Amino acid sequence: MRCVLAGVWATALVIAVPGTVGGCVGGSLASDSGPLRANDRWSTSGRQKVHVGEEVAFDFLLTDWLGRPIFPGAVADYCAVLVGPDRIECEPGLDGRFSFSYRFDRFSPGDKVRVVASAYRERGYRDYGYVQGAWLPSSSAREKPDTRVARDAITIDIYQLEIELAVPRRLDELLAETGVLRIRRSDGALTSVYLDKPDRPGFAFTGPDDGGGYRVRFVPRGDQLNPTGTTSVEFTIRDTAGRAYTVSKTLETP
């Protein structure tokens, strides 16, 4: 059920008091991946794009029948999340939100991953317990199943960027070993990548081609890119005479 209104993530939560929720509790799931509007941190879009290996933060909150966020209080005890085949459980924070994160490093480009968040009210023991690295259902037949009070979902489209830069022809031969590919994120994080070697994965450098130009190729990790918007890349290399050349590019990272 998606009944959140625009800007609800910047709104103070209402205390949930029995009898004031009106019998309708909704849920709204958001991520920091995108698409994002200007100056927004969270996206409630039902379809979002995530880069292979990207770690995404999620927020799930409860809403009343008017779409206003409410504090879980006596309404829900925990949130169970299914990310593809994986399960996550979390309790509400002091701000009333169910917050969790997930790194999408087990999926391939083109995969579509369903992220489903459900808030539950406990009835006795919880339906599942985490035992020796696995979530196992309750073994007691006398236990009543927990009551689901709200649910929301997002479909994630997994993509993979490849950085490719063209370096124009130069008078002197370019030295691949002097090349440095720099990837800059908006939070100030900088990744420096060097020529690929057996003991140090890096960029591939080819050329000169028939026109005398060169190509730089590199497949980045999700944590090396901005989660949304654009990411700046820059490649600097020297020739046999010691002269430095720089080419740059702006990548779309949806």
C-alpha atoms as a PDB file:
ATOM      1  CA  MET A   1       0.000   0.000   0.000  1.00  0.00           C
ATOM      2  CA  ARG A   2       1.575   3.278  -1.126  1.00  0.00           C
ATOM      3  CA  CYS A   3      -0.151   6.223   0.528  1.00  0.00           C
ATOM      4  CA  VAL A   4       2.800   8.504   1.294  1.00  0.00           C
ATOM      5  CA  LEU A   5       2.544  12.104   0.148  1.00  0.00           C
ATOM      6  CA  ALA A   6       5.288  14.184  -1.444  1.00  0.00           C
ATOM      7  CA  GLY A   7       7.768  15.429   1.143  1.00  0.00           C
ATOM      8  CA  VAL A   8       6.622  13.018   3.844  1.00  0.00           C
ATOM      9  CA  TRP A   9      10.248  12.111   4.695  1.00  0.00           C
ATOM     10  CA  ALA A  10      10.813  15.636   5.970  1.00  0.00           C
ATOM     11  CA  THR A  11       7.684  15.559   8.139  1.00  0.00           C
ATOM     12  CA  ALA A  12       7.658  14.887  11.876  1.00  0.00           C
ATOM     13  CA  LEU A  13       6.133  11.572  12.867  1.00  0.00           C
ATOM     14  CA  VAL A  14       2.778  11.478  14.603  1.00  0.00           C
ATOM     15  CA  ILE A  15       2.483   9.383  17.762  1.00  0.00           C
ATOM     16  CA  ALA A  16       0.253   6.395  17.076  1.00  0.00           C
ATOM     17  CA  VAL A  17      -2.410   6.145  19.772  1.00  0.00           C
ATOM     18  CA  PRO A  18      -4.882   3.236  19.727  1.00  0.00           C
ATOM     19  CA  GLY A  19      -8.111   4.378  18.151  1.00  0.00           C
ATOM     20  CA  THR A  20      -6.608   7.325  16.250  1.00  0.00           C
ATOM     21  CA  VAL A  21      -5.194   5.474  13.273  1.00  0.00           C
ATOM     22  CA  GLY A  22      -8.658   4.918  11.864  1.00  0.00           C
ATOM     23  CA  GLY A  23      -8.110   1.223  11.169  1.00  0.00           C
ATOM     24  CA  CYS A  24      -5.894   1.926   8.144  1.00  0.00           C
ATOM     25  CA  VAL A  25      -2.130   1.680   8.522  1.00  0.00           C
ATOM     26  CA  GLY A  26      -0.134   2.142   5.354  1.00  0.00           C
ATOM     27  CA  GLY A  27       3.523   1.693   4.632  1.00  0.00           C
ATOM     28  CA  SER A  28       5.973   3.597   2.437  1.00  0.00           C
ATOM     29  CA  LEU A  29       9.377   2.298   1.370  1.00  0.00           C
ATOM     30  CA  ALA A  30      12.089   4.659   0.127  1.00  0.00           C
ATOM     31  CA  SER A  31      15.742   4.382  -0.900  1.00  0.00           C
ATOM     32  CA  ASP A  32      18.644   6.773  -1.387  1.00  0.00           C
ATOM     33  CA  SER A  33      19.371   5.378  -4.840  1.00  0.00           C
ATOM     34  CA  GLY A  34      16.948   7.218  -7.076  1.00  0.00           C
ATOM     35  CA  PRO A  35      15.599   8.689  -9.173  1.00  0.00           C
ATOM     36  CA  LEU A  36      15.807  11.643  -6.785  1.00  0.00           C
ATOM     37  CA  ARG A  37      14.355  15.108  -7.095  1.00  0.00           C
ATOM     38  CA  ALA A  38      16.583  18.112  -6.389  1.00  0.00           C
ATOM     39  CA  ASN A  39      17.561  18.404  -2.696  1.00  0.00           C
ATOM     40  CA  ASP A  40      15.770  15.153  -1.808  1.00  0.00           C
ATOM     41  CA  ARG A  41      17.602  12.335  -0.036  1.00  0.00           C
ATOM     42  CA  TRP A  42      14.954   9.646  -0.463  1.00  0.00           C
ATOM     43  CA  SER A  43      13.087   8.276  -3.458  1.00  0.00           C
ATOM     44  CA  THR A  44       9.718   6.525  -3.171  1.00  0.00           C
ATOM     45  CA  SER A  45       9.620   5.597  -6.857  1.00  0.00           C
ATOM     46  CA  GLY A  46       8.279   2.094  -7.391  1.00  0.00           C
ATOM     47  CA  ARG A  47      10.997   1.412 -10.002  1.00  0.00           C
ATOM     48  CA  GLN A  48      14.620   2.300  -9.318  1.00  0.00           C
ATOM     49  CA  LYS A  49      18.081   1.616 -10.765  1.00  0.00           C
ATOM     50  CA  VAL A  50      21.015   0.298  -8.741  1.00  0.00           C
ATOM     51  CA  HIS A  51      24.567  -0.356  -9.921  1.00  0.00           C
ATOM     52  CA  VAL A  52      26.131  -3.784  -9.408  1.00  0.00           C
ATOM     53  CA  GLY A  53      27.773  -3.783  -5.954  1.00  0.00           C
ATOM     54  CA  GLU A  54      26.097  -0.568  -4.812  1.00  0.00           C
ATOM     55  CA  GLU A  55      25.105  -0.368  -1.143  1.00  0.00           C
ATOM     56  CA  VAL A  56      21.649   1.161  -0.839  1.00  0.00           C
ATOM     57  CA  ALA A  57      20.061   2.622   2.297  1.00  0.00           C
ATOM     58  CA  PHE A  58      16.335   2.063   2.763  1.00  0.00           C
ATOM     59  CA  ASP A  59      13.723   3.622   5.031  1.00  0.00           C
ATOM     60  CA  PHE A  60      10.296   2.137   5.703  1.00  0.00           C
ATOM     61  CA  LEU A  61       7.744   4.118   7.682  1.00  0.00           C
ATOM     62  CA  LEU A  62       4.120   3.691   8.642  1.00  0.00           C
ATOM     63  CA  THR A  63       1.401   6.118   7.597  1.00  0.00           C
ATOM     64  CA  ASP A  64      -2.144   6.808   8.752  1.00  0.00           C
ATOM     65  CA  TRP A  65      -5.173   6.926   6.470  1.00  0.00           C
ATOM     66  CA  LEU A  66      -4.307  10.476   5.413  1.00  0.00           C
ATOM     67  CA  GLY A  67      -0.804   9.454   4.358  1.00  0.00           C
ATOM     68  CA  ARG A  68       0.844  11.111   7.366  1.00  0.00           C
ATOM     69  CA  PRO A  69       3.793   9.248   8.941  1.00  0.00           C
ATOM     70  CA  ILE A  70       3.067   7.721  12.340  1.00  0.00           C
ATOM     71  CA  PHE A  71       5.278   6.330  15.092  1.00  0.00           C
ATOM     72  CA  PRO A  72       4.974   2.507  15.251  1.00  0.00           C
ATOM     73  CA  GLY A  73       4.181   2.512  18.996  1.00  0.00           C
ATOM     74  CA  ALA A  74       1.513  -0.115  19.634  1.00  0.00           C
ATOM     75  CA  VAL A  75       0.989  -0.742  15.911  1.00  0.00           C
ATOM     76  CA  ALA A  76       4.065  -2.734  14.832  1.00  0.00           C
ATOM     77  CA  ASP A  77       7.076  -4.362  16.499  1.00  0.00           C
ATOM     78  CA  TYR A  78       9.413  -5.105  13.628  1.00  0.00           C
ATOM     79  CA  CYS A  79       9.897  -4.989   9.878  1.00  0.00           C
ATOM     80  CA  ALA A  80      10.720  -8.011   7.725  1.00  0.00           C
ATOM     81  CA  VAL A  81      12.347  -7.287   4.372  1.00  0.00           C
ATOM     82  CA  LEU A  82      12.819  -9.600   1.408  1.00  0.00           C
ATOM     83  CA  VAL A  83      15.503  -8.567  -1.092  1.00  0.00           C
ATOM     84  CA  GLY A  84      15.282 -11.220  -3.760  1.00  0.00           C
ATOM     85  CA  PRO A  85      16.148 -14.440  -1.878  1.00  0.00           C
ATOM     86  CA  ASP A  86      17.564 -12.647   1.189  1.00  0.00           C
ATOM     87  CA  ARG A  87      15.705 -11.754   4.378  1.00  0.00           C
ATOM     88  CA  ILE A  88      16.392  -8.840   6.737  1.00  0.00           C
ATOM     89  CA  GLU A  89      14.634  -7.930   9.981  1.00  0.00           C
ATOM     90  CA  CYS A  90      14.874  -4.630  11.855  1.00  0.00           C
ATOM     91  CA  GLU A  91      13.169  -2.755  14.702  1.00  0.00           C
ATOM     92  CA  PRO A  92      12.061   0.876  14.542  1.00  0.00           C
ATOM     93  CA  GLY A  93      14.665   3.483  15.420  1.00  0.00           C
ATOM     94  CA  LEU A  94      14.186   6.366  17.823  1.00  0.00           C
ATOM     95  CA  ASP A  95      12.775   8.363  14.911  1.00  0.00           C
ATOM     96  CA  GLY A  96      10.125   5.694  14.297  1.00  0.00           C
ATOM     97  CA  ARG A  97      11.548   4.567  10.972  1.00  0.00           C
ATOM     98  CA  PHE A  98      12.599   1.053  10.045  1.00  0.00           C
ATOM     99  CA  SER A  99      16.043   1.572   8.508  1.00  0.00           C
ATOM    100  CA  PHE A 100      18.277  -0.976   6.810  1.00  0.00           C
ATOM    101  CA  SER A 101      20.841  -1.223   4.028  1.00  0.00           C
ATOM    102  CA  TYR A 102      21.743  -3.816   1.429  1.00  0.00           C
ATOM    103  CA  ARG A 103      24.693  -4.259  -0.928  1.00  0.00           C
ATOM    104  CA  PHE A 104      23.604  -5.503  -4.350  1.00  0.00           C
ATOM    105  CA  ASP A 105      26.739  -7.531  -5.067  1.00  0.00           C
ATOM    106  CA  ARG A 106      25.140 -10.900  -5.825  1.00  0.00           C
ATOM    107  CA  PHE A 107      23.164  -9.778  -8.854  1.00  0.00           C
ATOM    108  CA  SER A 108      24.041  -9.261 -12.532  1.00  0.00           C
ATOM    109  CA  PRO A 109      23.272  -6.472 -15.004  1.00  0.00           C
ATOM    110  CA  GLY A 110      19.717  -6.800 -16.269  1.00  0.00           C
ATOM    111  CA  ASP A 111      18.405  -8.515 -13.126  1.00  0.00           C
ATOM    112  CA  LYS A 112      15.165  -7.214 -11.639  1.00  0.00           C
ATOM    113  CA  VAL A 113      15.109  -7.487  -7.845  1.00  0.00           C
ATOM    114  CA  ARG A 114      11.976  -7.052  -5.752  1.00  0.00           C
ATOM    115  CA  VAL A 115      12.491  -5.363  -2.363  1.00  0.00           C
ATOM    116  CA  VAL A 116       9.443  -5.998  -0.154  1.00  0.00           C
ATOM    117  CA  ALA A 117       9.150  -4.463   3.331  1.00  0.00           C
ATOM    118  CA  SER A 118       6.387  -5.567   5.730  1.00  0.00           C
ATOM    119  CA  ALA A 119       5.688  -4.320   9.264  1.00  0.00           C
ATOM    120  CA  TYR A 120       4.467  -6.924  11.750  1.00  0.00           C
ATOM    121  CA  ARG A 121       2.862  -7.025  15.177  1.00  0.00           C
ATOM    122  CA  GLU A 122       4.275  -9.894  17.250  1.00  0.00           C
ATOM    123  CA  ARG A 123       1.979 -12.599  18.568  1.00  0.00           C
ATOM    124  CA  GLY A 124       4.094 -14.643  20.942  1.00  0.00           C
ATOM    125  CA  TYR A 125       7.435 -15.526  19.389  1.00  0.00           C
ATOM    126  CA  ARG A 126       8.361 -14.063  16.036  1.00  0.00           C
ATOM    127  CA  ASP A 127       7.587 -16.108  12.941  1.00  0.00           C
ATOM    128  CA  TYR A 128      11.285 -16.468  12.045  1.00  0.00           C
ATOM    129  CA  GLY A 129      14.524 -16.716  14.001  1.00  0.00           C
ATOM    130  CA  TYR A 130      18.108 -16.248  12.820  1.00  0.00           C
ATOM    131  CA  VAL A 131      19.931 -19.493  13.616  1.00  0.00           C
ATOM    132  CA  GLN A 132      23.473 -20.345  12.467  1.00  0.00           C
ATOM    133  CA  GLY A 133      23.407 -17.895   9.587  1.00  0.00           C
ATOM    134  CA  ALA A 134      19.935 -18.720   8.300  1.00  0.00           C
ATOM    135  CA  TRP A 135      16.372 -17.537   8.913  1.00  0.00           C
ATOM    136  CA  LEU A 136      14.268 -20.449  10.124  1.00  0.00           C
ATOM    137  CA  PRO A 137      10.497 -20.491  10.746  1.00  0.00           C
ATOM    138  CA  SER A 138       9.158 -21.008  14.249  1.00  0.00           C
ATOM    139  CA  SER A 139       8.884 -24.711  15.067  1.00  0.00           C
ATOM    140  CA  SER A 140       5.994 -24.367  17.508  1.00  0.00           C
ATOM    141  CA  ALA A 141       2.621 -25.272  16.006  1.00  0.00           C
ATOM    142  CA  ARG A 142       0.900 -23.519  18.931  1.00  0.00           C
ATOM    143  CA  GLU A 143       2.352 -20.140  18.031  1.00  0.00           C
ATOM    144  CA  LYS A 144       0.027 -17.786  16.199  1.00  0.00           C
ATOM    145  CA  PRO A 145       1.536 -16.119  13.140  1.00  0.00           C
ATOM    146  CA  ASP A 146       2.524 -12.481  13.515  1.00  0.00           C
ATOM    147  CA  THR A 147       0.081  -9.951  12.091  1.00  0.00           C
ATOM    148  CA  ARG A 148       1.167  -7.951   9.073  1.00  0.00           C
ATOM    149  CA  VAL A 149      -0.034  -4.368   9.426  1.00  0.00           C
ATOM    150  CA  ALA A 150       1.593  -2.655   6.422  1.00  0.00           C
ATOM    151  CA  ARG A 151       3.595  -3.448   3.300  1.00  0.00           C
ATOM    152  CA  ASP A 152       5.324  -1.697   0.409  1.00  0.00           C
ATOM    153  CA  ALA A 153       7.719  -2.722  -2.359  1.00  0.00           C
ATOM    154  CA  ILE A 154      10.242  -1.354  -4.847  1.00  0.00           C
ATOM    155  CA  THR A 155      11.500  -3.058  -8.008  1.00  0.00           C
ATOM    156  CA  ILE A 156      15.248  -2.629  -8.537  1.00  0.00           C
ATOM    157  CA  ASP A 157      16.764  -2.742 -12.031  1.00  0.00           C
ATOM    158  CA  ILE A 158      20.423  -3.783 -11.808  1.00  0.00           C
ATOM    159  CA  TYR A 159      22.829  -2.084 -14.220  1.00  0.00           C
ATOM    160  CA  GLN A 160      26.586  -1.990 -14.825  1.00  0.00           C
ATOM    161  CA  LEU A 161      28.537   0.978 -16.199  1.00  0.00           C
ATOM    162  CA  GLU A 162      31.713   0.678 -18.231  1.00  0.00           C
ATOM    163  CA  ILE A 163      33.989   3.688 -18.351  1.00  0.00           C
ATOM    164  CA  GLU A 164      35.355   4.230 -21.855  1.00  0.00           C
ATOM    165  CA  LEU A 165      37.500   7.211 -22.822  1.00  0.00           C
ATOM    166  CA  ALA A 166      39.057   8.111 -26.153  1.00  0.00           C
ATOM    167  CA  VAL A 167      42.540   9.637 -26.102  1.00  0.00           C
ATOM    168  CA  PRO A 168      43.308  11.467 -29.387  1.00  0.00           C
ATOM    169  CA  ARG A 169      46.449  10.930 -31.427  1.00  0.00           C
ATOM    170  CA  ARG A 170      49.621  12.554 -30.091  1.00  0.00           C
ATOM    171  CA  LEU A 171      52.981  13.356 -31.670  1.00  0.00           C
ATOM    172  CA  ASP A 172      54.839  10.997 -29.330  1.00  0.00           C
ATOM    173  CA  GLU A 173      53.857   7.573 -28.077  1.00  0.00           C
ATOM    174  CA  LEU A 174      51.775   7.468 -24.887  1.00  0.00           C
ATOM    175  CA  LEU A 175      53.079   5.396 -21.963  1.00  0.00           C
ATOM    176  CA  ALA A 176      50.286   3.266 -20.489  1.00  0.00           C
ATOM    177  CA  GLU A 177      52.180   2.785 -17.217  1.00  0.00           C
ATOM    178  CA  THR A 178      51.950   6.537 -16.483  1.00  0.00           C
ATOM    179  CA  GLY A 179      48.162   6.647 -16.833  1.00  0.00           C
ATOM    180  CA  VAL A 180      45.863   7.383 -13.895  1.00  0.00           C
ATOM    181  CA  LEU A 181      42.068   7.168 -14.054  1.00  0.00           C
ATOM    182  CA  ARG A 182      40.376   9.208 -11.311  1.00  0.00           C
ATOM    183  CA  ILE A 183      36.728   8.737 -10.340  1.00  0.00           C
ATOM    184  CA  ARG A 184      35.267  11.537  -8.195  1.00  0.00           C
ATOM    185  CA  ARG A 185      32.127  11.259  -6.103  1.00  0.00           C
ATOM    186  CA  SER A 186      30.058  14.190  -4.904  1.00  0.00           C
ATOM    187  CA  ASP A 187      30.882  13.354  -1.258  1.00  0.00           C
ATOM    188  CA  GLY A 188      34.574  13.972  -1.921  1.00  0.00           C
ATOM    189  CA  ALA A 189      35.602  10.322  -2.278  1.00  0.00           C
ATOM    190  CA  LEU A 190      38.284   9.840  -4.937  1.00  0.00           C
ATOM    191  CA  THR A 191      39.273   6.537  -6.538  1.00  0.00           C
ATOM    192  CA  SER A 192      42.565   6.340  -8.446  1.00  0.00           C
ATOM    193  CA  VAL A 193      42.884   3.458 -10.915  1.00  0.00           C
ATOM    194  CA  TYR A 194      46.113   2.380 -12.622  1.00  0.00           C
ATOM    195  CA  LEU A 195      47.016   0.102 -15.520  1.00  0.00           C
ATOM    196  CA  ASP A 196      45.655  -3.412 -15.161  1.00  0.00           C
ATOM    197  CA  LYS A 197      48.190  -5.974 -13.949  1.00  0.00           C
ATOM    198  CA  PRO A 198      47.905  -9.588 -12.753  1.00  0.00           C
ATOM    199  CA  ASP A 199      48.299  -8.541  -9.102  1.00  0.00           C
ATOM    200  CA  ARG A 200      46.412  -5.221  -9.407  1.00  0.00           C
ATOM    201  CA  PRO A 201      43.119  -4.965 -11.304  1.00  0.00           C
ATOM    202  CA  GLY A 202      42.891  -1.706 -13.222  1.00  0.00           C
ATOM    203  CA  PHE A 203      42.034  -0.071 -16.525  1.00  0.00           C
ATOM    204  CA  ALA A 204      42.678  -1.574 -19.971  1.00  0.00           C
ATOM    205  CA  PHE A 205      44.654   0.573 -22.406  1.00  0.00           C
ATOM    206  CA  THR A 206      44.653  -0.133 -26.143  1.00  0.00           C
ATOM    207  CA  GLY A 207      46.136   1.592 -29.187  1.00  0.00           C
ATOM    208  CA  PRO A 208      47.262   3.238 -31.211  1.00  0.00           C
ATOM    209  CA  ASP A 209      44.498   2.401 -33.696  1.00  0.00           C
ATOM    210  CA  ASP A 210      44.527   3.147 -37.422  1.00  0.00           C
ATOM    211  CA  GLY A 211      43.909   6.812 -36.651  1.00  0.00           C
ATOM    212  CA  GLY A 212      46.618   6.957 -33.991  1.00  0.00           C
ATOM    213  CA  GLY A 213      44.165   7.190 -31.079  1.00  0.00           C
ATOM    214  CA  TYR A 214      43.960   5.206 -27.843  1.00  0.00           C
ATOM    215  CA  ARG A 215      41.149   3.760 -25.692  1.00  0.00           C
ATOM    216  CA  VAL A 216      40.799   3.476 -21.922  1.00  0.00           C
ATOM    217  CA  ARG A 217      38.274   1.008 -20.487  1.00  0.00           C
ATOM    218  CA  PHE A 218      37.387   0.227 -16.873  1.00  0.00           C
ATOM    219  CA  VAL A 219      34.427  -1.458 -15.136  1.00  0.00           C
ATOM    220  CA  PRO A 220      33.872   0.342 -11.787  1.00  0.00           C
ATOM    221  CA  ARG A 221      32.390  -0.985  -8.564  1.00  0.00           C
ATOM    222  CA  GLY A 222      29.141   0.390  -7.217  1.00  0.00           C
ATOM    223  CA  ASP A 223      30.824   2.130  -4.286  1.00  0.00           C
ATOM    224  CA  GLN A 224      33.118   4.070  -6.651  1.00  0.00           C
ATOM    225  CA  LEU A 225      30.183   5.920  -8.254  1.00  0.00           C
ATOM    226  CA  ASN A 226      27.547   8.339  -7.060  1.00  0.00           C
ATOM    227  CA  PRO A 227      24.324   6.435  -6.350  1.00  0.00           C
ATOM    228  CA  THR A 228      22.334   8.892  -8.461  1.00  0.00           C
ATOM    229  CA  GLY A 229      22.889  11.876 -10.718  1.00  0.00           C
ATOM    230  CA  THR A 230      26.297  11.979 -12.418  1.00  0.00           C
ATOM    231  CA  THR A 231      29.874  10.923 -11.673  1.00  0.00           C
ATOM    232  CA  SER A 232      32.985  12.667 -13.001  1.00  0.00           C
ATOM    233  CA  VAL A 233      35.944  10.706 -14.382  1.00  0.00           C
ATOM    234  CA  GLU A 234      39.325  11.997 -15.537  1.00  0.00           C
ATOM    235  CA  PHE A 235      42.263  10.241 -17.193  1.00  0.00           C
ATOM    236  CA  THR A 236      45.804  11.649 -17.233  1.00  0.00           C
ATOM    237  CA  ILE A 237      48.727  10.106 -19.123  1.00  0.00           C
ATOM    238  CA  ARG A 238      52.242  11.108 -20.253  1.00  0.00           C
ATOM    239  CA  ASP A 239      54.060  10.546 -23.539  1.00  0.00           C
ATOM    240  CA  THR A 240      57.651   9.523 -24.132  1.00  0.00           C
ATOM    241  CA  ALA A 241      58.677  13.197 -24.040  1.00  0.00           C
ATOM    242  CA  GLY A 242      57.152  13.643 -20.560  1.00  0.00           C
ATOM    243  CA  ARG A 243      54.194  15.757 -21.646  1.00  0.00           C
ATOM    244  CA  ALA A 244      50.943  15.159 -19.761  1.00  0.00           C
ATOM    245  CA  TYR A 245      47.500  14.912 -21.385  1.00  0.00           C
ATOM    246  CA  THR A 246      44.101  14.780 -19.726  1.00  0.00           C
ATOM    247  CA  VAL A 247      40.670  13.698 -20.967  1.00  0.00           C
ATOM    248  CA  SER A 248      37.500  13.753 -18.881  1.00  0.00           C
ATOM    249  CA  LYS A 249      33.899  12.585 -19.010  1.00  0.00           C
ATOM    250  CA  THR A 250      30.695  12.838 -17.014  1.00  0.00           C
ATOM    251  CA  LEU A 251      28.838   9.558 -16.474  1.00  0.00           C
ATOM    252  CA  GLU A 252      25.102   9.274 -15.960  1.00  0.00           C
ATOM    253  CA  THR A 253      24.491   7.267 -12.780  1.00  0.00           C
ATOM    254  CA  PRO A 254      20.696   6.935 -12.464  1.00  0.00           C
END
